[in-house]
């Protein structure tokens, strides 16, 4: 998918937008912290993280861990985030 298609895919489901925004604001962060800050369930956030990781928008820096996994935006994720911000989908 190109940047435009990824942007459309992200805005189709609000949990993806919330995760992208939170990752951009905090950099390295755990799923439980994203859930706490967004008021969403851990299951909901974990699903969004899996989806975003499958498309190469985020990366888990501690994949060997079963808990306390930490995530960041990839370079591609940062490009998509900037597109979301310029399109006013993210404040």
PDB file of N, CA and C in Angstrom:
ATOM      1  N   UNK A   1       0.837  -1.187   0.000  1.00  0.00           N
ATOM      2  CA  UNK A   1       0.000   0.000   0.000  1.00  0.00           C
ATOM      3  C   UNK A   1       0.877   1.244   0.000  1.00  0.00           C
ATOM      4  N   UNK A   2       0.436   2.254  -0.713  1.00  0.00           N
ATOM      5  CA  UNK A   2       1.170   3.520  -0.676  1.00  0.00           C
ATOM      6  C   UNK A   2       0.681   4.365   0.509  1.00  0.00           C
ATOM      7  N   UNK A   3       1.291   5.520   0.698  1.00  0.00           N
ATOM      8  CA  UNK A   3       0.990   6.381   1.849  1.00  0.00           C
ATOM      9  C   UNK A   3      -0.491   6.772   1.876  1.00  0.00           C
ATOM     10  N   UNK A   4      -1.057   7.112   0.737  1.00  0.00           N
ATOM     11  CA  UNK A   4      -2.471   7.501   0.694  1.00  0.00           C
ATOM     12  C   UNK A   4      -3.380   6.348   1.096  1.00  0.00           C
ATOM     13  N   UNK A   5      -3.087   5.149   0.591  1.00  0.00           N
ATOM     14  CA  UNK A   5      -3.896   3.980   0.943  1.00  0.00           C
ATOM     15  C   UNK A   5      -3.767   3.643   2.428  1.00  0.00           C
ATOM     16  N   UNK A   6      -2.547   3.744   2.964  1.00  0.00           N
ATOM     17  CA  UNK A   6      -2.344   3.481   4.387  1.00  0.00           C
ATOM     18  C   UNK A   6      -3.086   4.503   5.244  1.00  0.00           C
ATOM     19  N   UNK A   7      -3.082   5.750   4.812  1.00  0.00           N
ATOM     20  CA  UNK A   7      -3.795   6.797   5.542  1.00  0.00           C
ATOM     21  C   UNK A   7      -5.288   6.485   5.587  1.00  0.00           C
ATOM     22  N   UNK A   8      -5.854   6.110   4.468  1.00  0.00           N
ATOM     23  CA  UNK A   8      -7.276   5.748   4.415  1.00  0.00           C
ATOM     24  C   UNK A   8      -7.561   4.534   5.285  1.00  0.00           C
ATOM     25  N   UNK A   9      -6.670   3.553   5.250  1.00  0.00           N
ATOM     26  CA  UNK A   9      -6.839   2.342   6.056  1.00  0.00           C
ATOM     27  C   UNK A   9      -6.827   2.683   7.543  1.00  0.00           C
ATOM     28  N   UNK A  10      -5.942   3.569   7.958  1.00  0.00           N
ATOM     29  CA  UNK A  10      -5.854   3.948   9.373  1.00  0.00           C
ATOM     30  C   UNK A  10      -7.113   4.679   9.821  1.00  0.00           C
ATOM     31  N   UNK A  11      -7.579   5.651   9.056  1.00  0.00           N
ATOM     32  CA  UNK A  11      -8.730   6.441   9.502  1.00  0.00           C
ATOM     33  C   UNK A  11     -10.041   5.656   9.446  1.00  0.00           C
ATOM     34  N   UNK A  12     -10.042   4.500   8.801  1.00  0.00           N
ATOM     35  CA  UNK A  12     -11.246   3.675   8.747  1.00  0.00           C
ATOM     36  C   UNK A  12     -11.612   3.110  10.121  1.00  0.00           C
ATOM     37  N   UNK A  13     -10.642   3.016  11.027  1.00  0.00           N
ATOM     38  CA  UNK A  13     -10.873   2.457  12.366  1.00  0.00           C
ATOM     39  C   UNK A  13     -10.206   3.378  13.385  1.00  0.00           C
ATOM     40  N   UNK A  14     -10.997   3.965  14.262  1.00  0.00           N
ATOM     41  CA  UNK A  14     -10.466   4.995  15.160  1.00  0.00           C
ATOM     42  C   UNK A  14      -9.380   4.503  16.108  1.00  0.00           C
ATOM     43  N   UNK A  15      -9.381   3.224  16.469  1.00  0.00           N
ATOM     44  CA  UNK A  15      -8.329   2.734  17.380  1.00  0.00           C
ATOM     45  C   UNK A  15      -6.950   2.850  16.730  1.00  0.00           C
ATOM     46  N   UNK A  16      -6.886   2.713  15.427  1.00  0.00           N
ATOM     47  CA  UNK A  16      -5.599   2.860  14.736  1.00  0.00           C
ATOM     48  C   UNK A  16      -5.111   4.302  14.831  1.00  0.00           C
ATOM     49  N   UNK A  17      -6.022   5.243  14.659  1.00  0.00           N
ATOM     50  CA  UNK A  17      -5.668   6.661  14.773  1.00  0.00           C
ATOM     51  C   UNK A  17      -5.173   6.958  16.185  1.00  0.00           C
ATOM     52  N   UNK A  18      -5.883   6.469  17.189  1.00  0.00           N
ATOM     53  CA  UNK A  18      -5.492   6.696  18.581  1.00  0.00           C
ATOM     54  C   UNK A  18      -4.102   6.139  18.876  1.00  0.00           C
ATOM     55  N   UNK A  19      -3.823   4.948  18.385  1.00  0.00           N
ATOM     56  CA  UNK A  19      -2.516   4.326  18.628  1.00  0.00           C
ATOM     57  C   UNK A  19      -1.413   5.116  17.927  1.00  0.00           C
ATOM     58  N   UNK A  20      -1.630   5.497  16.687  1.00  0.00           N
ATOM     59  CA  UNK A  20      -0.622   6.281  15.960  1.00  0.00           C
ATOM     60  C   UNK A  20      -0.329   7.587  16.688  1.00  0.00           C
ATOM     61  N   UNK A  21      -1.376   8.274  17.125  1.00  0.00           N
ATOM     62  CA  UNK A  21      -1.210   9.547  17.820  1.00  0.00           C
ATOM     63  C   UNK A  21      -0.454   9.356  19.133  1.00  0.00           C
ATOM     64  N   UNK A  22      -0.815   8.345  19.894  1.00  0.00           N
ATOM     65  CA  UNK A  22      -0.167   8.102  21.184  1.00  0.00           C
ATOM     66  C   UNK A  22       1.291   7.711  20.999  1.00  0.00           C
ATOM     67  N   UNK A  23       1.580   6.883  20.019  1.00  0.00           N
ATOM     68  CA  UNK A  23       2.970   6.509  19.752  1.00  0.00           C
ATOM     69  C   UNK A  23       3.792   7.727  19.345  1.00  0.00           C
ATOM     70  N   UNK A  24       3.213   8.600  18.552  1.00  0.00           N
ATOM     71  CA  UNK A  24       3.943   9.800  18.143  1.00  0.00           C
ATOM     72  C   UNK A  24       4.216  10.714  19.333  1.00  0.00           C
ATOM     73  N   UNK A  25       3.237  10.853  20.211  1.00  0.00           N
ATOM     74  CA  UNK A  25       3.380  11.734  21.375  1.00  0.00           C
ATOM     75  C   UNK A  25       4.396  11.213  22.388  1.00  0.00           C
ATOM     76  N   UNK A  26       4.453   9.895  22.546  1.00  0.00           N
ATOM     77  CA  UNK A  26       5.257   9.318  23.626  1.00  0.00           C
ATOM     78  C   UNK A  26       6.488   8.551  23.163  1.00  0.00           C
ATOM     79  N   UNK A  27       6.619   8.319  21.876  1.00  0.00           N
ATOM     80  CA  UNK A  27       7.767   7.545  21.407  1.00  0.00           C
ATOM     81  C   UNK A  27       7.641   6.101  21.842  1.00  0.00           C
ATOM     82  N   UNK A  28       8.574   5.636  22.595  1.00  0.00           N
ATOM     83  CA  UNK A  28       8.609   4.255  23.079  1.00  0.00           C
ATOM     84  C   UNK A  28       7.560   4.068  24.168  1.00  0.00           C
ATOM     85  N   UNK A  29       6.617   3.126  23.950  1.00  0.00           N
ATOM     86  CA  UNK A  29       5.505   2.967  24.892  1.00  0.00           C
ATOM     87  C   UNK A  29       4.974   1.538  24.852  1.00  0.00           C
ATOM     88  N   UNK A  30       4.385   1.113  25.960  1.00  0.00           N
ATOM     89  CA  UNK A  30       3.802  -0.227  26.077  1.00  0.00           C
ATOM     90  C   UNK A  30       2.315  -0.179  25.725  1.00  0.00           C
ATOM     91  N   UNK A  31       1.783  -1.332  25.334  1.00  0.00           N
ATOM     92  CA  UNK A  31       0.364  -1.431  24.992  1.00  0.00           C
ATOM     93  C   UNK A  31      -0.515  -1.024  26.167  1.00  0.00           C
ATOM     94  N   UNK A  32      -0.154  -1.442  27.369  1.00  0.00           N
ATOM     95  CA  UNK A  32      -0.964  -1.108  28.548  1.00  0.00           C
ATOM     96  C   UNK A  32      -0.994   0.398  28.792  1.00  0.00           C
ATOM     97  N   UNK A  33       0.100   1.076  28.492  1.00  0.00           N
ATOM     98  CA  UNK A  33       0.142   2.532  28.657  1.00  0.00           C
ATOM     99  C   UNK A  33      -0.737   3.222  27.614  1.00  0.00           C
ATOM    100  N   UNK A  34      -0.738   2.691  26.396  1.00  0.00           N
ATOM    101  CA  UNK A  34      -1.608   3.246  25.355  1.00  0.00           C
ATOM    102  C   UNK A  34      -3.065   3.062  25.762  1.00  0.00           C
ATOM    103  N   UNK A  35      -3.404   1.869  26.251  1.00  0.00           N
ATOM    104  CA  UNK A  35      -4.776   1.591  26.685  1.00  0.00           C
ATOM    105  C   UNK A  35      -5.196   2.550  27.795  1.00  0.00           C
ATOM    106  N   UNK A  36      -4.319   2.758  28.749  1.00  0.00           N
ATOM    107  CA  UNK A  36      -4.617   3.653  29.868  1.00  0.00           C
ATOM    108  C   UNK A  36      -4.836   5.090  29.389  1.00  0.00           C
ATOM    109  N   UNK A  37      -3.979   5.546  28.509  1.00  0.00           N
ATOM    110  CA  UNK A  37      -4.057   6.934  28.048  1.00  0.00           C
ATOM    111  C   UNK A  37      -5.228   7.193  27.107  1.00  0.00           C
ATOM    112  N   UNK A  38      -5.662   6.169  26.389  1.00  0.00           N
ATOM    113  CA  UNK A  38      -6.749   6.355  25.428  1.00  0.00           C
ATOM    114  C   UNK A  38      -8.111   5.930  25.971  1.00  0.00           C
ATOM    115  N   UNK A  39      -8.111   5.255  27.121  1.00  0.00           N
ATOM    116  CA  UNK A  39      -9.367   4.781  27.689  1.00  0.00           C
ATOM    117  C   UNK A  39      -9.944   3.585  26.953  1.00  0.00           C
ATOM    118  N   UNK A  40      -9.117   2.901  26.199  1.00  0.00           N
ATOM    119  CA  UNK A  40      -9.539   1.707  25.463  1.00  0.00           C
ATOM    120  C   UNK A  40      -9.068   0.454  26.191  1.00  0.00           C
ATOM    121  N   UNK A  41      -9.685  -0.668  25.870  1.00  0.00           N
ATOM    122  CA  UNK A  41      -9.275  -1.926  26.489  1.00  0.00           C
ATOM    123  C   UNK A  41      -7.921  -2.355  25.930  1.00  0.00           C
ATOM    124  N   UNK A  42      -7.202  -3.119  26.715  1.00  0.00           N
ATOM    125  CA  UNK A  42      -5.911  -3.637  26.265  1.00  0.00           C
ATOM    126  C   UNK A  42      -6.097  -4.515  25.032  1.00  0.00           C
ATOM    127  N   UNK A  43      -7.177  -5.278  24.992  1.00  0.00           N
ATOM    128  CA  UNK A  43      -7.463  -6.131  23.835  1.00  0.00           C
ATOM    129  C   UNK A  43      -7.641  -5.280  22.576  1.00  0.00           C
ATOM    130  N   UNK A  44      -8.357  -4.182  22.698  1.00  0.00           N
ATOM    131  CA  UNK A  44      -8.595  -3.281  21.573  1.00  0.00           C
ATOM    132  C   UNK A  44      -7.287  -2.685  21.067  1.00  0.00           C
ATOM    133  N   UNK A  45      -6.444  -2.251  21.980  1.00  0.00           N
ATOM    134  CA  UNK A  45      -5.157  -1.657  21.616  1.00  0.00           C
ATOM    135  C   UNK A  45      -4.224  -2.713  21.031  1.00  0.00           C
ATOM    136  N   UNK A  46      -4.212  -3.896  21.619  1.00  0.00           N
ATOM    137  CA  UNK A  46      -3.352  -4.974  21.107  1.00  0.00           C
ATOM    138  C   UNK A  46      -3.708  -5.324  19.671  1.00  0.00           C
ATOM    139  N   UNK A  47      -4.990  -5.320  19.364  1.00  0.00           N
ATOM    140  CA  UNK A  47      -5.419  -5.604  17.990  1.00  0.00           C
ATOM    141  C   UNK A  47      -4.900  -4.531  17.036  1.00  0.00           C
ATOM    142  N   UNK A  48      -5.032  -3.274  17.436  1.00  0.00           N
ATOM    143  CA  UNK A  48      -4.535  -2.180  16.597  1.00  0.00           C
ATOM    144  C   UNK A  48      -3.027  -2.280  16.409  1.00  0.00           C
ATOM    145  N   UNK A  49      -2.311  -2.618  17.467  1.00  0.00           N
ATOM    146  CA  UNK A  49      -0.855  -2.761  17.366  1.00  0.00           C
ATOM    147  C   UNK A  49      -0.480  -3.861  16.376  1.00  0.00           C
ATOM    148  N   UNK A  50      -1.171  -4.993  16.443  1.00  0.00           N
ATOM    149  CA  UNK A  50      -0.898  -6.089  15.494  1.00  0.00           C
ATOM    150  C   UNK A  50      -1.144  -5.634  14.060  1.00  0.00           C
ATOM    151  N   UNK A  51      -2.266  -4.946  13.855  1.00  0.00           N
ATOM    152  CA  UNK A  51      -2.607  -4.477  12.511  1.00  0.00           C
ATOM    153  C   UNK A  51      -1.552  -3.508  11.979  1.00  0.00           C
ATOM    154  N   UNK A  52      -1.175  -2.552  12.803  1.00  0.00           N
ATOM    155  CA  UNK A  52      -0.191  -1.548  12.384  1.00  0.00           C
ATOM    156  C   UNK A  52       1.183  -2.169  12.160  1.00  0.00           C
ATOM    157  N   UNK A  53       1.518  -3.157  12.967  1.00  0.00           N
ATOM    158  CA  UNK A  53       2.808  -3.834  12.807  1.00  0.00           C
ATOM    159  C   UNK A  53       2.837  -4.639  11.508  1.00  0.00           C
ATOM    160  N   UNK A  54       1.722  -5.273  11.166  1.00  0.00           N
ATOM    161  CA  UNK A  54       1.642  -6.046   9.918  1.00  0.00           C
ATOM    162  C   UNK A  54       1.912  -5.177   8.691  1.00  0.00           C
ATOM    163  N   UNK A  55       1.534  -3.912   8.757  1.00  0.00           N
ATOM    164  CA  UNK A  55       1.740  -2.998   7.637  1.00  0.00           C
ATOM    165  C   UNK A  55       3.035  -2.208   7.753  1.00  0.00           C
ATOM    166  N   UNK A  56       3.861  -2.539   8.732  1.00  0.00           N
ATOM    167  CA  UNK A  56       5.171  -1.916   8.859  1.00  0.00           C
ATOM    168  C   UNK A  56       5.151  -0.480   9.357  1.00  0.00           C
ATOM    169  N   UNK A  57       4.068  -0.092  10.022  1.00  0.00           N
ATOM    170  CA  UNK A  57       3.948   1.279  10.513  1.00  0.00           C
ATOM    171  C   UNK A  57       4.507   1.446  11.921  1.00  0.00           C
ATOM    172  N   UNK A  58       4.553   0.352  12.653  1.00  0.00           N
ATOM    173  CA  UNK A  58       5.142   0.361  13.985  1.00  0.00           C
ATOM    174  C   UNK A  58       6.061  -0.842  14.115  1.00  0.00           C
ATOM    175  N   UNK A  59       6.892  -0.805  15.140  1.00  0.00           N
ATOM    176  CA  UNK A  59       7.819  -1.906  15.387  1.00  0.00           C
ATOM    177  C   UNK A  59       7.844  -2.196  16.878  1.00  0.00           C
ATOM    178  N   UNK A  60       7.841  -3.483  17.208  1.00  0.00           N
ATOM    179  CA  UNK A  60       8.010  -3.900  18.592  1.00  0.00           C
ATOM    180  C   UNK A  60       9.507  -4.053  18.829  1.00  0.00           C
ATOM    181  N   UNK A  61      10.033  -3.291  19.791  1.00  0.00           N
ATOM    182  CA  UNK A  61      11.468  -3.339  20.072  1.00  0.00           C
ATOM    183  C   UNK A  61      11.849  -4.478  21.008  1.00  0.00           C
ATOM    184  N   UNK A  62      10.846  -5.109  21.618  1.00  0.00           N
ATOM    185  CA  UNK A  62      11.109  -6.204  22.558  1.00  0.00           C
ATOM    186  C   UNK A  62      10.246  -7.418  22.207  1.00  0.00           C
ATOM    187  N   UNK A  63      10.369  -7.951  20.989  1.00  0.00           N
ATOM    188  CA  UNK A  63       9.484  -9.045  20.569  1.00  0.00           C
ATOM    189  C   UNK A  63       9.679 -10.339  21.357  1.00  0.00           C
ATOM    190  N   UNK A  64      10.839 -10.489  21.983  1.00  0.00           N
ATOM    191  CA  UNK A  64      11.101 -11.712  22.742  1.00  0.00           C
ATOM    192  C   UNK A  64      10.312 -11.766  24.047  1.00  0.00           C
ATOM    193  N   UNK A  65       9.802 -10.644  24.491  1.00  0.00           N
ATOM    194  CA  UNK A  65       9.041 -10.597  25.740  1.00  0.00           C
ATOM    195  C   UNK A  65       7.572 -10.920  25.475  1.00  0.00           C
ATOM    196  N   UNK A  66       6.955 -11.580  26.449  1.00  0.00           N
ATOM    197  CA  UNK A  66       5.519 -11.865  26.332  1.00  0.00           C
ATOM    198  C   UNK A  66       4.697 -10.730  26.931  1.00  0.00           C
ATOM    199  N   UNK A  67       5.282 -10.012  27.865  1.00  0.00           N
ATOM    200  CA  UNK A  67       4.648  -8.837  28.456  1.00  0.00           C
ATOM    201  C   UNK A  67       5.648  -7.691  28.397  1.00  0.00           C
ATOM    202  N   UNK A  68       5.196  -6.523  28.674  1.00  0.00           N
ATOM    203  CA  UNK A  68       6.056  -5.338  28.698  1.00  0.00           C
ATOM    204  C   UNK A  68       6.700  -5.047  27.338  1.00  0.00           C
ATOM    205  N   UNK A  69       6.020  -5.427  26.269  1.00  0.00           N
ATOM    206  CA  UNK A  69       6.536  -5.115  24.936  1.00  0.00           C
ATOM    207  C   UNK A  69       6.462  -3.613  24.714  1.00  0.00           C
ATOM    208  N   UNK A  70       7.470  -3.081  24.054  1.00  0.00           N
ATOM    209  CA  UNK A  70       7.525  -1.645  23.788  1.00  0.00           C
ATOM    210  C   UNK A  70       7.507  -1.419  22.274  1.00  0.00           C
ATOM    211  N   UNK A  71       6.742  -0.410  21.876  1.00  0.00           N
ATOM    212  CA  UNK A  71       6.511  -0.127  20.462  1.00  0.00           C
ATOM    213  C   UNK A  71       6.941   1.293  20.101  1.00  0.00           C
ATOM    214  N   UNK A  72       7.341   1.454  18.846  1.00  0.00           N
ATOM    215  CA  UNK A  72       7.647   2.775  18.296  1.00  0.00           C
ATOM    216  C   UNK A  72       7.106   2.842  16.867  1.00  0.00           C
ATOM    217  N   UNK A  73       6.968   4.062  16.361  1.00  0.00           N
ATOM    218  CA  UNK A  73       6.627   4.253  14.953  1.00  0.00           C
ATOM    219  C   UNK A  73       7.865   3.992  14.107  1.00  0.00           C
ATOM    220  N   UNK A  74       7.687   3.365  12.965  1.00  0.00           N
ATOM    221  CA  UNK A  74       8.777   3.198  12.005  1.00  0.00           C
ATOM    222  C   UNK A  74       8.888   4.472  11.175  1.00  0.00           C
ATOM    223  N   UNK A  75       9.884   4.545  10.320  1.00  0.00           N
ATOM    224  CA  UNK A  75      10.010   5.699   9.419  1.00  0.00           C
ATOM    225  C   UNK A  75       8.768   5.828   8.543  1.00  0.00           C
ATOM    226  N   UNK A  76       8.272   4.692   8.049  1.00  0.00           N
ATOM    227  CA  UNK A  76       7.054   4.702   7.239  1.00  0.00           C
ATOM    228  C   UNK A  76       5.864   5.164   8.082  1.00  0.00           C
ATOM    229  N   UNK A  77       5.820   4.722   9.334  1.00  0.00           N
ATOM    230  CA  UNK A  77       4.767   5.150  10.246  1.00  0.00           C
ATOM    231  C   UNK A  77       4.795   6.643  10.489  1.00  0.00           C
ATOM    232  N   UNK A  78       5.993   7.202  10.602  1.00  0.00           N
ATOM    233  CA  UNK A  78       6.128   8.652  10.785  1.00  0.00           C
ATOM    234  C   UNK A  78       5.624   9.412   9.561  1.00  0.00           C
ATOM    235  N   UNK A  79       5.916   8.885   8.367  1.00  0.00           N
ATOM    236  CA  UNK A  79       5.432   9.523   7.134  1.00  0.00           C
ATOM    237  C   UNK A  79       3.906   9.519   7.082  1.00  0.00           C
ATOM    238  N   UNK A  80       3.318   8.384   7.440  1.00  0.00           N
ATOM    239  CA  UNK A  80       1.859   8.284   7.439  1.00  0.00           C
ATOM    240  C   UNK A  80       1.271   9.206   8.506  1.00  0.00           C
ATOM    241  N   UNK A  81       1.916   9.270   9.673  1.00  0.00           N
ATOM    242  CA  UNK A  81       1.442  10.159  10.732  1.00  0.00           C
ATOM    243  C   UNK A  81       1.422  11.609  10.248  1.00  0.00           C
ATOM    244  N   UNK A  82       2.482  12.030   9.581  1.00  0.00           N
ATOM    245  CA  UNK A  82       2.539  13.404   9.068  1.00  0.00           C
ATOM    246  C   UNK A  82       1.435  13.655   8.050  1.00  0.00           C
ATOM    247  N   UNK A  83       1.144  12.667   7.225  1.00  0.00           N
ATOM    248  CA  UNK A  83       0.046  12.789   6.257  1.00  0.00           C
ATOM    249  C   UNK A  83      -1.287  12.933   6.993  1.00  0.00           C
ATOM    250  N   UNK A  84      -1.477  12.150   8.059  1.00  0.00           N
ATOM    251  CA  UNK A  84      -2.695  12.253   8.865  1.00  0.00           C
ATOM    252  C   UNK A  84      -2.823  13.644   9.482  1.00  0.00           C
ATOM    253  N   UNK A  85      -1.719  14.164   9.979  1.00  0.00           N
ATOM    254  CA  UNK A  85      -1.745  15.481  10.614  1.00  0.00           C
ATOM    255  C   UNK A  85      -2.027  16.577   9.577  1.00  0.00           C
ATOM    256  N   UNK A  86      -1.369  16.506   8.434  1.00  0.00           N
ATOM    257  CA  UNK A  86      -1.585  17.513   7.388  1.00  0.00           C
ATOM    258  C   UNK A  86      -3.010  17.466   6.841  1.00  0.00           C
ATOM    259  N   UNK A  87      -3.607  16.280   6.883  1.00  0.00           N
ATOM    260  CA  UNK A  87      -4.989  16.118   6.416  1.00  0.00           C
ATOM    261  C   UNK A  87      -6.000  16.419   7.518  1.00  0.00           C
ATOM    262  N   UNK A  88      -5.498  16.821   8.688  1.00  0.00           N
ATOM    263  CA  UNK A  88      -6.326  17.205   9.838  1.00  0.00           C
ATOM    264  C   UNK A  88      -7.111  16.046  10.444  1.00  0.00           C
ATOM    265  N   UNK A  89      -6.614  14.826  10.298  1.00  0.00           N
ATOM    266  CA  UNK A  89      -7.226  13.685  10.969  1.00  0.00           C
ATOM    267  C   UNK A  89      -6.678  13.523  12.381  1.00  0.00           C
ATOM    268  N   UNK A  90      -5.526  14.146  12.631  1.00  0.00           N
ATOM    269  CA  UNK A  90      -4.891  14.132  13.948  1.00  0.00           C
ATOM    270  C   UNK A  90      -4.531  15.567  14.286  1.00  0.00           C
ATOM    271  N   UNK A  91      -4.790  15.946  15.526  1.00  0.00           N
ATOM    272  CA  UNK A  91      -4.452  17.309  15.982  1.00  0.00           C
ATOM    273  C   UNK A  91      -2.962  17.482  16.084  1.00  0.00           C
TER     274      UNK A  91
END
